[in-house]
Amino acid sequence: MAEGDRGVILARLEVDYLRQLYYRVGERLCVRSTVTRLGTRSLTVHQELLQDDAVALRADVVMVLFDFDTDTSRPMTDAERAHWSRYAET
């Protein structure tokens, strides 16, 4: 299987909008991301978007590892687990 045939799909997205965001030309917002769960075929990432040092949005994202050739989920490789583990909660 070619490496390009593997990917990740979005299975679930839960978002809480906590306060209004303001558009400011040239402003870069901060997004904090933490892996909260590493499963066999999926992972969950918690994210917070900040503006003016205050959290404006919280999201929990479930991503499923996917094989596009077979159109099915697939197990996480050791290399993928090592990569995502670097961002896991400690």
C-alpha atoms as a PDB file:
ATOM      1  CA  MET A   1       0.000   0.000   0.000  1.00  0.00           C
ATOM      2  CA  ALA A   2       1.311   3.425  -0.894  1.00  0.00           C
ATOM      3  CA  GLU A   3       1.664   5.890   1.982  1.00  0.00           C
ATOM      4  CA  GLY A   4      -0.728   8.282   0.228  1.00  0.00           C
ATOM      5  CA  ASP A   5      -3.567   5.753   0.511  1.00  0.00           C
ATOM      6  CA  ARG A   6      -3.644   6.177   4.288  1.00  0.00           C
ATOM      7  CA  GLY A   7      -5.231   9.090   6.014  1.00  0.00           C
ATOM      8  CA  VAL A   8      -7.316  10.417   8.841  1.00  0.00           C
ATOM      9  CA  ILE A   9     -11.009  11.278   8.705  1.00  0.00           C
ATOM     10  CA  LEU A  10     -13.049  13.457  11.042  1.00  0.00           C
ATOM     11  CA  ALA A  11     -15.577  11.282  12.872  1.00  0.00           C
ATOM     12  CA  ARG A  12     -16.861  13.696  15.523  1.00  0.00           C
ATOM     13  CA  LEU A  13     -16.573  17.402  16.278  1.00  0.00           C
ATOM     14  CA  GLU A  14     -18.009  18.950  19.442  1.00  0.00           C
ATOM     15  CA  VAL A  15     -17.563  22.721  19.828  1.00  0.00           C
ATOM     16  CA  ASP A  16     -18.430  25.085  22.658  1.00  0.00           C
ATOM     17  CA  TYR A  17     -18.415  28.763  21.729  1.00  0.00           C
ATOM     18  CA  LEU A  18     -17.615  30.588  24.973  1.00  0.00           C
ATOM     19  CA  ARG A  19     -17.335  34.202  23.889  1.00  0.00           C
ATOM     20  CA  GLN A  20     -17.356  36.432  20.844  1.00  0.00           C
ATOM     21  CA  LEU A  21     -14.269  36.606  18.636  1.00  0.00           C
ATOM     22  CA  TYR A  22     -13.244  39.844  16.940  1.00  0.00           C
ATOM     23  CA  TYR A  23     -11.729  40.097  13.488  1.00  0.00           C
ATOM     24  CA  ARG A  24      -8.516  42.106  13.591  1.00  0.00           C
ATOM     25  CA  VAL A  25      -6.439  42.438  10.439  1.00  0.00           C
ATOM     26  CA  GLY A  26      -3.115  40.640  10.854  1.00  0.00           C
ATOM     27  CA  GLU A  27      -3.926  39.178  14.279  1.00  0.00           C
ATOM     28  CA  ARG A  28      -2.744  35.636  14.912  1.00  0.00           C
ATOM     29  CA  LEU A  29      -4.832  33.618  17.332  1.00  0.00           C
ATOM     30  CA  CYS A  30      -3.445  30.928  19.623  1.00  0.00           C
ATOM     31  CA  VAL A  31      -4.784  27.370  19.407  1.00  0.00           C
ATOM     32  CA  ARG A  32      -3.766  24.920  22.147  1.00  0.00           C
ATOM     33  CA  SER A  33      -4.096  21.252  21.221  1.00  0.00           C
ATOM     34  CA  THR A  34      -3.739  18.170  23.415  1.00  0.00           C
ATOM     35  CA  VAL A  35      -4.280  14.524  22.573  1.00  0.00           C
ATOM     36  CA  THR A  36      -6.625  13.211  25.262  1.00  0.00           C
ATOM     37  CA  ARG A  37      -7.080   9.649  23.995  1.00  0.00           C
ATOM     38  CA  LEU A  38      -5.112   7.295  21.774  1.00  0.00           C
ATOM     39  CA  GLY A  39      -7.109   4.263  20.713  1.00  0.00           C
ATOM     40  CA  THR A  40      -6.344   1.408  18.364  1.00  0.00           C
ATOM     41  CA  ARG A  41      -7.986   3.026  15.334  1.00  0.00           C
ATOM     42  CA  SER A  42      -8.777   6.549  16.488  1.00  0.00           C
ATOM     43  CA  LEU A  43      -7.627   9.456  18.630  1.00  0.00           C
ATOM     44  CA  THR A  44      -9.264  12.381  20.381  1.00  0.00           C
ATOM     45  CA  VAL A  45      -7.825  15.898  20.430  1.00  0.00           C
ATOM     46  CA  HIS A  46      -8.970  18.685  22.759  1.00  0.00           C
ATOM     47  CA  GLN A  47      -8.432  22.198  21.394  1.00  0.00           C
ATOM     48  CA  GLU A  48      -8.836  25.700  22.776  1.00  0.00           C
ATOM     49  CA  LEU A  49      -8.772  28.875  20.708  1.00  0.00           C
ATOM     50  CA  LEU A  50      -7.658  31.989  22.587  1.00  0.00           C
ATOM     51  CA  GLN A  51      -7.995  35.684  21.884  1.00  0.00           C
ATOM     52  CA  ASP A  52      -6.787  38.362  24.294  1.00  0.00           C
ATOM     53  CA  ASP A  53      -5.494  35.558  26.582  1.00  0.00           C
ATOM     54  CA  ALA A  54      -9.030  34.238  27.102  1.00  0.00           C
ATOM     55  CA  VAL A  55     -10.476  30.976  25.800  1.00  0.00           C
ATOM     56  CA  ALA A  56     -13.129  31.741  23.209  1.00  0.00           C
ATOM     57  CA  LEU A  57     -13.757  28.250  21.859  1.00  0.00           C
ATOM     58  CA  ARG A  58     -13.280  24.688  23.110  1.00  0.00           C
ATOM     59  CA  ALA A  59     -13.470  21.680  20.812  1.00  0.00           C
ATOM     60  CA  ASP A  60     -13.140  17.928  21.095  1.00  0.00           C
ATOM     61  CA  VAL A  61     -12.278  16.187  17.848  1.00  0.00           C
ATOM     62  CA  VAL A  62     -12.362  12.435  17.196  1.00  0.00           C
ATOM     63  CA  MET A  63     -10.265  11.372  14.226  1.00  0.00           C
ATOM     64  CA  VAL A  64     -10.270   7.873  12.758  1.00  0.00           C
ATOM     65  CA  LEU A  65      -7.297   6.414  10.916  1.00  0.00           C
ATOM     66  CA  PHE A  66      -8.547   5.395   7.495  1.00  0.00           C
ATOM     67  CA  ASP A  67      -7.488   3.263   4.543  1.00  0.00           C
ATOM     68  CA  PHE A  68      -8.962   4.815   1.414  1.00  0.00           C
ATOM     69  CA  ASP A  69      -8.171   1.737  -0.724  1.00  0.00           C
ATOM     70  CA  THR A  70     -10.370  -0.529   1.390  1.00  0.00           C
ATOM     71  CA  ASP A  71     -12.723   2.247   2.581  1.00  0.00           C
ATOM     72  CA  THR A  72     -12.357   1.114   6.204  1.00  0.00           C
ATOM     73  CA  SER A  73     -10.723   2.211   9.425  1.00  0.00           C
ATOM     74  CA  ARG A  74      -7.250   0.848  10.088  1.00  0.00           C
ATOM     75  CA  PRO A  75      -5.015   0.277  13.104  1.00  0.00           C
ATOM     76  CA  MET A  76      -2.625   3.022  14.181  1.00  0.00           C
ATOM     77  CA  THR A  77       0.974   2.269  13.217  1.00  0.00           C
ATOM     78  CA  ASP A  78       3.776   2.385  15.782  1.00  0.00           C
ATOM     79  CA  ALA A  79       5.160   5.492  14.058  1.00  0.00           C
ATOM     80  CA  GLU A  80       1.767   7.242  14.221  1.00  0.00           C
ATOM     81  CA  ARG A  81       1.349   6.313  17.891  1.00  0.00           C
ATOM     82  CA  ALA A  82       4.816   7.732  18.645  1.00  0.00           C
ATOM     83  CA  HIS A  83       3.974  10.936  16.766  1.00  0.00           C
ATOM     84  CA  TRP A  84       0.606  11.546  18.477  1.00  0.00           C
ATOM     85  CA  SER A  85       1.951  10.533  21.904  1.00  0.00           C
ATOM     86  CA  ARG A  86       4.189  13.613  21.859  1.00  0.00           C
ATOM     87  CA  TYR A  87       1.032  15.738  22.170  1.00  0.00           C
ATOM     88  CA  ALA A  88      -0.707  13.625  24.814  1.00  0.00           C
ATOM     89  CA  GLU A  89      -1.748  14.860  28.240  1.00  0.00           C
ATOM     90  CA  THR A  90       0.883  14.333  30.893  1.00  0.00           C
END
